[in-house]
């Protein structure tokens, strides 16, 4: 799901999805009137039906009913795209069996392209890097055979182990060694400063529609930058002081206030 959601995030029309998806995701009772309000933002769309068909074809929305009326509902892929490519809350709440997966490879310098391809794949799938060619993940390693075959890497030069490090009682220490949480938290702090500033402004006055669109564009970029480098580990592995959940909550508060400000006659 992550790769498909990321493709949607790169789409030039993502802003329209963001506006629509954000509104519906935060609305307890989405209605056709809500949809009309949202679609009025999308000036370049000549056909609302065509627009919805395009989103549905991409797997971002699906048809549903509320109180006997048809409404578009976000799919899991749509929610992931709206959250920055992955759903942080879902990722943080997933279970962990207490075992690490350690992947190591021994590829000579002459096979540098293969090393780089494998390292990029590991990074895209949020493995942590303990050192040079030693990577870790809290989740089972799947499809590694297909990956190696696709990159023409000799599978005998790649090993995957499963277990717990000897002499380490707190798994959060392993997590802190495998990922750069100092950089991750810095991204979340930048986002949080932005969101808290917007919240302060919303308490003072109601922004114009064009201003809300500008806020959402800035929000999208900052949130994507923050969550892009985060492996979104299970809660049991969160290092002390991890900024992710707090920033996620502030994000939700800000978007709810923006939704209220967007309503005709609404107040933030």
C-alpha atoms as a PDB file:
ATOM      1  CA  UNK A   1       0.000   0.000   0.000  1.00  0.00           C
ATOM      2  CA  UNK A   2       2.792   2.418   0.793  1.00  0.00           C
ATOM      3  CA  UNK A   3       4.204   2.443  -2.736  1.00  0.00           C
ATOM      4  CA  UNK A   4       0.776   2.964  -4.300  1.00  0.00           C
ATOM      5  CA  UNK A   5      -0.049   5.760  -1.898  1.00  0.00           C
ATOM      6  CA  UNK A   6       3.278   7.409  -2.625  1.00  0.00           C
ATOM      7  CA  UNK A   7       2.487   7.358  -6.332  1.00  0.00           C
ATOM      8  CA  UNK A   8      -0.720   9.246  -5.600  1.00  0.00           C
ATOM      9  CA  UNK A   9       1.183  11.795  -3.570  1.00  0.00           C
ATOM     10  CA  UNK A  10       3.339  12.541  -6.601  1.00  0.00           C
ATOM     11  CA  UNK A  11       0.306  13.148  -8.788  1.00  0.00           C
ATOM     12  CA  UNK A  12      -0.173  16.744  -9.919  1.00  0.00           C
ATOM     13  CA  UNK A  13      -3.822  16.541  -8.864  1.00  0.00           C
ATOM     14  CA  UNK A  14      -3.060  15.548  -5.279  1.00  0.00           C
ATOM     15  CA  UNK A  15      -4.071  18.913  -3.879  1.00  0.00           C
ATOM     16  CA  UNK A  16      -7.664  18.265  -4.938  1.00  0.00           C
ATOM     17  CA  UNK A  17      -7.582  14.849  -3.266  1.00  0.00           C
ATOM     18  CA  UNK A  18      -6.060  16.407  -0.170  1.00  0.00           C
ATOM     19  CA  UNK A  19      -8.840  18.967   0.124  1.00  0.00           C
ATOM     20  CA  UNK A  20     -11.558  16.432  -0.491  1.00  0.00           C
ATOM     21  CA  UNK A  21      -9.979  13.630   1.497  1.00  0.00           C
ATOM     22  CA  UNK A  22      -9.185  15.834   4.447  1.00  0.00           C
ATOM     23  CA  UNK A  23     -12.704  17.149   4.661  1.00  0.00           C
ATOM     24  CA  UNK A  24     -14.332  13.742   4.392  1.00  0.00           C
ATOM     25  CA  UNK A  25     -11.831  12.106   6.734  1.00  0.00           C
ATOM     26  CA  UNK A  26     -12.616  14.644   9.441  1.00  0.00           C
ATOM     27  CA  UNK A  27     -16.346  14.832   8.842  1.00  0.00           C
ATOM     28  CA  UNK A  28     -18.327  12.488  11.059  1.00  0.00           C
ATOM     29  CA  UNK A  29     -21.331  12.573   8.724  1.00  0.00           C
ATOM     30  CA  UNK A  30     -20.188  13.346   5.151  1.00  0.00           C
ATOM     31  CA  UNK A  31     -23.088  14.396   2.933  1.00  0.00           C
ATOM     32  CA  UNK A  32     -23.694  15.479  -0.646  1.00  0.00           C
ATOM     33  CA  UNK A  33     -23.764  19.075   0.576  1.00  0.00           C
ATOM     34  CA  UNK A  34     -20.306  18.604   2.060  1.00  0.00           C
ATOM     35  CA  UNK A  35     -19.161  17.210  -1.266  1.00  0.00           C
ATOM     36  CA  UNK A  36     -20.539  20.221  -3.144  1.00  0.00           C
ATOM     37  CA  UNK A  37     -18.627  22.541  -0.810  1.00  0.00           C
ATOM     38  CA  UNK A  38     -15.427  20.646  -1.496  1.00  0.00           C
ATOM     39  CA  UNK A  39     -15.816  20.386  -5.245  1.00  0.00           C
ATOM     40  CA  UNK A  40     -16.350  24.132  -5.537  1.00  0.00           C
ATOM     41  CA  UNK A  41     -12.678  24.434  -4.592  1.00  0.00           C
ATOM     42  CA  UNK A  42     -11.636  22.470  -7.651  1.00  0.00           C
ATOM     43  CA  UNK A  43     -11.956  25.126 -10.346  1.00  0.00           C
ATOM     44  CA  UNK A  44     -10.047  23.223 -13.016  1.00  0.00           C
ATOM     45  CA  UNK A  45     -12.368  20.221 -12.889  1.00  0.00           C
ATOM     46  CA  UNK A  46     -14.994  20.508 -15.634  1.00  0.00           C
ATOM     47  CA  UNK A  47     -16.982  17.484 -14.550  1.00  0.00           C
ATOM     48  CA  UNK A  48     -17.535  16.554 -10.920  1.00  0.00           C
ATOM     49  CA  UNK A  49     -18.571  13.094 -11.979  1.00  0.00           C
ATOM     50  CA  UNK A  50     -15.375  12.739 -13.989  1.00  0.00           C
ATOM     51  CA  UNK A  51     -13.331  13.931 -11.024  1.00  0.00           C
ATOM     52  CA  UNK A  52     -14.902  11.388  -8.667  1.00  0.00           C
ATOM     53  CA  UNK A  53     -14.524   8.640 -11.255  1.00  0.00           C
ATOM     54  CA  UNK A  54     -10.823   9.452 -11.524  1.00  0.00           C
ATOM     55  CA  UNK A  55     -10.338   9.250  -7.745  1.00  0.00           C
ATOM     56  CA  UNK A  56     -12.323   6.021  -7.570  1.00  0.00           C
ATOM     57  CA  UNK A  57     -10.296   4.509 -10.429  1.00  0.00           C
ATOM     58  CA  UNK A  58      -7.120   5.240  -8.486  1.00  0.00           C
ATOM     59  CA  UNK A  59      -8.557   3.478  -5.454  1.00  0.00           C
ATOM     60  CA  UNK A  60      -8.659   6.628  -3.320  1.00  0.00           C
ATOM     61  CA  UNK A  61     -12.422   6.818  -2.772  1.00  0.00           C
ATOM     62  CA  UNK A  62     -15.305   4.382  -2.949  1.00  0.00           C
ATOM     63  CA  UNK A  63     -19.075   4.677  -3.018  1.00  0.00           C
ATOM     64  CA  UNK A  64     -20.980   4.531   0.240  1.00  0.00           C
ATOM     65  CA  UNK A  65     -24.270   5.574   1.806  1.00  0.00           C
ATOM     66  CA  UNK A  66     -25.100   7.693   4.844  1.00  0.00           C
ATOM     67  CA  UNK A  67     -28.693   8.241   5.939  1.00  0.00           C
ATOM     68  CA  UNK A  68     -29.885   6.807   2.650  1.00  0.00           C
ATOM     69  CA  UNK A  69     -27.766   9.186   0.559  1.00  0.00           C
ATOM     70  CA  UNK A  70     -24.826   8.354  -1.677  1.00  0.00           C
ATOM     71  CA  UNK A  71     -21.510   9.729  -0.445  1.00  0.00           C
ATOM     72  CA  UNK A  72     -17.879   9.166  -1.464  1.00  0.00           C
ATOM     73  CA  UNK A  73     -15.788   7.538   1.261  1.00  0.00           C
ATOM     74  CA  UNK A  74     -12.029   7.377   1.601  1.00  0.00           C
ATOM     75  CA  UNK A  75     -10.479   3.951   1.058  1.00  0.00           C
ATOM     76  CA  UNK A  76      -7.524   2.681   3.079  1.00  0.00           C
ATOM     77  CA  UNK A  77      -5.293   3.903   0.251  1.00  0.00           C
ATOM     78  CA  UNK A  78      -6.974   7.316   0.309  1.00  0.00           C
ATOM     79  CA  UNK A  79      -6.491   7.615   4.066  1.00  0.00           C
ATOM     80  CA  UNK A  80      -2.851   6.599   3.700  1.00  0.00           C
ATOM     81  CA  UNK A  81      -2.307   9.197   0.974  1.00  0.00           C
ATOM     82  CA  UNK A  82      -3.947  11.859   3.121  1.00  0.00           C
ATOM     83  CA  UNK A  83      -1.684  10.898   6.021  1.00  0.00           C
ATOM     84  CA  UNK A  84       1.475  11.258   3.934  1.00  0.00           C
ATOM     85  CA  UNK A  85       1.767   7.825   2.329  1.00  0.00           C
ATOM     86  CA  UNK A  86       1.218   5.691   5.442  1.00  0.00           C
ATOM     87  CA  UNK A  87      -1.267   5.830   8.297  1.00  0.00           C
ATOM     88  CA  UNK A  88       0.854   6.690  11.382  1.00  0.00           C
ATOM     89  CA  UNK A  89      -1.765   5.706  13.947  1.00  0.00           C
ATOM     90  CA  UNK A  90      -2.280   2.321  12.341  1.00  0.00           C
ATOM     91  CA  UNK A  91       1.478   1.760  12.126  1.00  0.00           C
ATOM     92  CA  UNK A  92       2.131   2.775  15.737  1.00  0.00           C
ATOM     93  CA  UNK A  93      -0.656   0.529  17.015  1.00  0.00           C
ATOM     94  CA  UNK A  94       0.436  -2.595  15.155  1.00  0.00           C
ATOM     95  CA  UNK A  95       1.638  -5.501  17.225  1.00  0.00           C
ATOM     96  CA  UNK A  96       5.260  -6.525  17.657  1.00  0.00           C
ATOM     97  CA  UNK A  97       6.399 -10.048  18.471  1.00  0.00           C
ATOM     98  CA  UNK A  98       9.524  -8.865  20.289  1.00  0.00           C
ATOM     99  CA  UNK A  99      11.883 -10.144  17.603  1.00  0.00           C
ATOM    100  CA  UNK A 100      14.138  -8.146  15.293  1.00  0.00           C
ATOM    101  CA  UNK A 101      14.861  -9.086  11.683  1.00  0.00           C
ATOM    102  CA  UNK A 102      18.478  -8.436  10.788  1.00  0.00           C
ATOM    103  CA  UNK A 103      19.526  -8.369   7.140  1.00  0.00           C
ATOM    104  CA  UNK A 104      23.183  -8.331   6.185  1.00  0.00           C
ATOM    105  CA  UNK A 105      24.911  -8.622   2.829  1.00  0.00           C
ATOM    106  CA  UNK A 106      28.438  -9.133   1.553  1.00  0.00           C
ATOM    107  CA  UNK A 107      28.719  -7.560  -1.882  1.00  0.00           C
ATOM    108  CA  UNK A 108      32.189  -6.587  -3.164  1.00  0.00           C
ATOM    109  CA  UNK A 109      33.011  -3.063  -4.300  1.00  0.00           C
ATOM    110  CA  UNK A 110      32.832  -4.092  -7.953  1.00  0.00           C
ATOM    111  CA  UNK A 111      29.128  -4.765  -7.358  1.00  0.00           C
ATOM    112  CA  UNK A 112      28.530  -1.208  -6.155  1.00  0.00           C
ATOM    113  CA  UNK A 113      25.378  -0.710  -8.312  1.00  0.00           C
ATOM    114  CA  UNK A 114      23.806  -3.791  -6.730  1.00  0.00           C
ATOM    115  CA  UNK A 115      24.737  -2.546  -3.245  1.00  0.00           C
ATOM    116  CA  UNK A 116      23.100   0.799  -3.969  1.00  0.00           C
ATOM    117  CA  UNK A 117      19.937  -0.795  -5.357  1.00  0.00           C
ATOM    118  CA  UNK A 118      19.586  -3.013  -2.293  1.00  0.00           C
ATOM    119  CA  UNK A 119      20.280  -0.118   0.091  1.00  0.00           C
ATOM    120  CA  UNK A 120      17.639   2.019  -1.646  1.00  0.00           C
ATOM    121  CA  UNK A 121      15.112  -0.813  -1.389  1.00  0.00           C
ATOM    122  CA  UNK A 122      15.845  -1.226   2.320  1.00  0.00           C
ATOM    123  CA  UNK A 123      15.494   2.514   2.869  1.00  0.00           C
ATOM    124  CA  UNK A 124      12.190   2.674   0.993  1.00  0.00           C
ATOM    125  CA  UNK A 125      10.865  -0.120   3.186  1.00  0.00           C
ATOM    126  CA  UNK A 126      11.974   1.690   6.357  1.00  0.00           C
ATOM    127  CA  UNK A 127      14.702  -0.654   7.521  1.00  0.00           C
ATOM    128  CA  UNK A 128      17.069   0.815  10.082  1.00  0.00           C
ATOM    129  CA  UNK A 129      20.803   0.828   9.420  1.00  0.00           C
ATOM    130  CA  UNK A 130      22.999  -0.349  12.273  1.00  0.00           C
ATOM    131  CA  UNK A 131      26.191  -0.097  10.233  1.00  0.00           C
ATOM    132  CA  UNK A 132      27.415  -0.396   6.615  1.00  0.00           C
ATOM    133  CA  UNK A 133      25.691  -3.530   5.386  1.00  0.00           C
ATOM    134  CA  UNK A 134      23.708  -4.447   8.520  1.00  0.00           C
ATOM    135  CA  UNK A 135      20.040  -3.424   8.541  1.00  0.00           C
ATOM    136  CA  UNK A 136      17.160  -4.164  10.917  1.00  0.00           C
ATOM    137  CA  UNK A 137      13.366  -4.230  10.899  1.00  0.00           C
ATOM    138  CA  UNK A 138      10.762  -5.125  13.546  1.00  0.00           C
ATOM    139  CA  UNK A 139       8.579  -6.710  10.852  1.00  0.00           C
ATOM    140  CA  UNK A 140       8.956  -9.984   8.941  1.00  0.00           C
ATOM    141  CA  UNK A 141      11.078  -9.638   5.795  1.00  0.00           C
ATOM    142  CA  UNK A 142       8.866 -10.556   2.864  1.00  0.00           C
ATOM    143  CA  UNK A 143       9.539 -11.041  -0.845  1.00  0.00           C
ATOM    144  CA  UNK A 144      13.293 -10.640  -0.379  1.00  0.00           C
ATOM    145  CA  UNK A 145      13.929 -13.443  -2.876  1.00  0.00           C
ATOM    146  CA  UNK A 146      12.002 -11.602  -5.578  1.00  0.00           C
ATOM    147  CA  UNK A 147      13.822  -8.372  -4.752  1.00  0.00           C
ATOM    148  CA  UNK A 148      17.237 -10.006  -5.068  1.00  0.00           C
ATOM    149  CA  UNK A 149      16.252 -11.712  -8.293  1.00  0.00           C
ATOM    150  CA  UNK A 150      14.887  -8.475  -9.725  1.00  0.00           C
ATOM    151  CA  UNK A 151      18.146  -6.657  -8.967  1.00  0.00           C
ATOM    152  CA  UNK A 152      20.276  -9.632 -10.098  1.00  0.00           C
ATOM    153  CA  UNK A 153      21.866 -10.022  -6.674  1.00  0.00           C
ATOM    154  CA  UNK A 154      23.333 -13.383  -5.685  1.00  0.00           C
ATOM    155  CA  UNK A 155      21.031 -14.597  -2.846  1.00  0.00           C
ATOM    156  CA  UNK A 156      23.914 -16.476  -1.206  1.00  0.00           C
ATOM    157  CA  UNK A 157      25.463 -13.097  -0.375  1.00  0.00           C
ATOM    158  CA  UNK A 158      22.447 -11.884   1.596  1.00  0.00           C
ATOM    159  CA  UNK A 159      21.473 -13.308   4.987  1.00  0.00           C
ATOM    160  CA  UNK A 160      18.394 -12.654   7.137  1.00  0.00           C
ATOM    161  CA  UNK A 161      18.418 -13.477  10.849  1.00  0.00           C
ATOM    162  CA  UNK A 162      15.606 -13.271  13.376  1.00  0.00           C
ATOM    163  CA  UNK A 163      15.944 -12.867  17.131  1.00  0.00           C
ATOM    164  CA  UNK A 164      16.708 -10.522  20.012  1.00  0.00           C
ATOM    165  CA  UNK A 165      20.081  -8.860  20.728  1.00  0.00           C
ATOM    166  CA  UNK A 166      21.964 -10.421  23.634  1.00  0.00           C
ATOM    167  CA  UNK A 167      22.322  -8.270  26.735  1.00  0.00           C
ATOM    168  CA  UNK A 168      19.855  -5.575  25.632  1.00  0.00           C
ATOM    169  CA  UNK A 169      16.705  -5.446  27.749  1.00  0.00           C
ATOM    170  CA  UNK A 170      15.171  -2.302  26.271  1.00  0.00           C
ATOM    171  CA  UNK A 171      14.396  -2.645  22.527  1.00  0.00           C
ATOM    172  CA  UNK A 172      14.064   1.133  22.267  1.00  0.00           C
ATOM    173  CA  UNK A 173      17.842   1.321  22.455  1.00  0.00           C
ATOM    174  CA  UNK A 174      18.107  -0.823  19.335  1.00  0.00           C
ATOM    175  CA  UNK A 175      15.597   1.409  17.572  1.00  0.00           C
ATOM    176  CA  UNK A 176      17.533   4.531  18.524  1.00  0.00           C
ATOM    177  CA  UNK A 177      20.684   2.989  17.030  1.00  0.00           C
ATOM    178  CA  UNK A 178      19.053   1.941  13.777  1.00  0.00           C
ATOM    179  CA  UNK A 179      17.274   5.167  12.848  1.00  0.00           C
ATOM    180  CA  UNK A 180      18.251   8.837  13.061  1.00  0.00           C
ATOM    181  CA  UNK A 181      15.575   9.972  15.495  1.00  0.00           C
ATOM    182  CA  UNK A 182      17.321  13.280  16.061  1.00  0.00           C
ATOM    183  CA  UNK A 183      16.626  14.177  12.438  1.00  0.00           C
ATOM    184  CA  UNK A 184      13.164  12.594  12.521  1.00  0.00           C
ATOM    185  CA  UNK A 185      12.158  14.592  15.590  1.00  0.00           C
ATOM    186  CA  UNK A 186      13.553  17.798  14.072  1.00  0.00           C
ATOM    187  CA  UNK A 187      11.165  17.356  11.140  1.00  0.00           C
ATOM    188  CA  UNK A 188       8.227  16.851  13.477  1.00  0.00           C
ATOM    189  CA  UNK A 189       9.190  19.920  15.512  1.00  0.00           C
ATOM    190  CA  UNK A 190       9.247  22.034  12.353  1.00  0.00           C
ATOM    191  CA  UNK A 191       5.785  20.766  11.487  1.00  0.00           C
ATOM    192  CA  UNK A 192       4.480  21.328  14.990  1.00  0.00           C
ATOM    193  CA  UNK A 193       5.696  24.940  15.043  1.00  0.00           C
ATOM    194  CA  UNK A 194       3.850  25.536  11.779  1.00  0.00           C
ATOM    195  CA  UNK A 195       0.643  23.860  12.993  1.00  0.00           C
ATOM    196  CA  UNK A 196       0.637  25.662  16.344  1.00  0.00           C
ATOM    197  CA  UNK A 197       1.148  29.005  14.597  1.00  0.00           C
ATOM    198  CA  UNK A 198      -1.802  28.277  12.305  1.00  0.00           C
ATOM    199  CA  UNK A 199      -3.925  27.274  15.300  1.00  0.00           C
ATOM    200  CA  UNK A 200      -3.139  30.588  17.004  1.00  0.00           C
ATOM    201  CA  UNK A 201      -4.110  32.505  13.868  1.00  0.00           C
ATOM    202  CA  UNK A 202      -7.331  30.518  13.508  1.00  0.00           C
ATOM    203  CA  UNK A 203      -8.358  31.480  17.032  1.00  0.00           C
ATOM    204  CA  UNK A 204      -8.011  35.154  16.099  1.00  0.00           C
ATOM    205  CA  UNK A 205      -9.752  35.262  12.732  1.00  0.00           C
ATOM    206  CA  UNK A 206     -11.346  33.173  10.025  1.00  0.00           C
ATOM    207  CA  UNK A 207      -9.071  32.760   6.981  1.00  0.00           C
ATOM    208  CA  UNK A 208     -10.236  33.275   3.421  1.00  0.00           C
ATOM    209  CA  UNK A 209     -10.739  30.302   1.145  1.00  0.00           C
ATOM    210  CA  UNK A 210      -7.535  31.075  -0.767  1.00  0.00           C
ATOM    211  CA  UNK A 211      -5.661  31.322   2.532  1.00  0.00           C
ATOM    212  CA  UNK A 212      -6.963  27.902   3.605  1.00  0.00           C
ATOM    213  CA  UNK A 213      -5.757  26.455   0.315  1.00  0.00           C
ATOM    214  CA  UNK A 214      -2.338  27.982   0.923  1.00  0.00           C
ATOM    215  CA  UNK A 215      -2.231  26.561   4.451  1.00  0.00           C
ATOM    216  CA  UNK A 216      -3.083  23.106   3.149  1.00  0.00           C
ATOM    217  CA  UNK A 217      -0.368  23.249   0.502  1.00  0.00           C
ATOM    218  CA  UNK A 218       2.227  24.231   3.115  1.00  0.00           C
ATOM    219  CA  UNK A 219       0.865  21.642   5.533  1.00  0.00           C
ATOM    220  CA  UNK A 220       1.093  18.895   2.950  1.00  0.00           C
ATOM    221  CA  UNK A 221       4.746  19.638   2.204  1.00  0.00           C
ATOM    222  CA  UNK A 222       5.830  19.945   5.839  1.00  0.00           C
ATOM    223  CA  UNK A 223       3.976  16.820   6.944  1.00  0.00           C
ATOM    224  CA  UNK A 224       5.353  14.749   4.081  1.00  0.00           C
ATOM    225  CA  UNK A 225       8.877  15.880   4.935  1.00  0.00           C
ATOM    226  CA  UNK A 226       8.349  14.971   8.589  1.00  0.00           C
ATOM    227  CA  UNK A 227       6.816  11.542   8.065  1.00  0.00           C
ATOM    228  CA  UNK A 228       8.945  10.568   5.042  1.00  0.00           C
ATOM    229  CA  UNK A 229      12.004   9.616   7.109  1.00  0.00           C
ATOM    230  CA  UNK A 230      10.068   8.083  10.019  1.00  0.00           C
ATOM    231  CA  UNK A 231       9.873   4.255  10.105  1.00  0.00           C
ATOM    232  CA  UNK A 232       6.649   4.559  12.173  1.00  0.00           C
ATOM    233  CA  UNK A 233       7.722   1.823  14.559  1.00  0.00           C
ATOM    234  CA  UNK A 234       5.323   0.039  16.933  1.00  0.00           C
ATOM    235  CA  UNK A 235       4.765   1.882  20.224  1.00  0.00           C
ATOM    236  CA  UNK A 236       6.955  -0.537  22.171  1.00  0.00           C
ATOM    237  CA  UNK A 237       9.962   0.714  20.180  1.00  0.00           C
ATOM    238  CA  UNK A 238       9.420   4.459  20.449  1.00  0.00           C
ATOM    239  CA  UNK A 239      12.524   6.156  21.881  1.00  0.00           C
ATOM    240  CA  UNK A 240      11.996   8.532  24.801  1.00  0.00           C
ATOM    241  CA  UNK A 241      10.967  11.964  23.637  1.00  0.00           C
ATOM    242  CA  UNK A 242       9.784  10.761  20.216  1.00  0.00           C
ATOM    243  CA  UNK A 243       7.823  13.635  18.626  1.00  0.00           C
ATOM    244  CA  UNK A 244       5.630  11.671  16.202  1.00  0.00           C
ATOM    245  CA  UNK A 245       2.390  11.083  18.159  1.00  0.00           C
ATOM    246  CA  UNK A 246       2.321  14.625  19.568  1.00  0.00           C
ATOM    247  CA  UNK A 247       2.712  16.121  16.103  1.00  0.00           C
ATOM    248  CA  UNK A 248       0.003  13.811  14.733  1.00  0.00           C
ATOM    249  CA  UNK A 249      -2.405  15.071  17.398  1.00  0.00           C
ATOM    250  CA  UNK A 250      -1.599  18.725  16.667  1.00  0.00           C
ATOM    251  CA  UNK A 251      -2.134  18.009  12.974  1.00  0.00           C
ATOM    252  CA  UNK A 252      -5.586  16.611  13.679  1.00  0.00           C
ATOM    253  CA  UNK A 253      -6.510  19.612  15.833  1.00  0.00           C
ATOM    254  CA  UNK A 254      -5.411  22.056  13.158  1.00  0.00           C
ATOM    255  CA  UNK A 255      -7.239  20.290  10.320  1.00  0.00           C
ATOM    256  CA  UNK A 256     -10.442  20.128  12.365  1.00  0.00           C
ATOM    257  CA  UNK A 257     -10.290  23.882  12.904  1.00  0.00           C
ATOM    258  CA  UNK A 258      -9.645  24.420   9.203  1.00  0.00           C
ATOM    259  CA  UNK A 259     -12.691  22.300   8.393  1.00  0.00           C
ATOM    260  CA  UNK A 260     -14.857  24.425  10.662  1.00  0.00           C
ATOM    261  CA  UNK A 261     -13.411  27.612   9.161  1.00  0.00           C
ATOM    262  CA  UNK A 262     -14.196  26.338   5.661  1.00  0.00           C
ATOM    263  CA  UNK A 263     -17.913  25.956   6.347  1.00  0.00           C
ATOM    264  CA  UNK A 264     -20.065  28.856   5.145  1.00  0.00           C
ATOM    265  CA  UNK A 265     -20.511  31.097   8.174  1.00  0.00           C
ATOM    266  CA  UNK A 266     -18.269  28.785  10.170  1.00  0.00           C
ATOM    267  CA  UNK A 267     -15.804  29.868  12.812  1.00  0.00           C
ATOM    268  CA  UNK A 268     -12.444  28.348  13.575  1.00  0.00           C
END
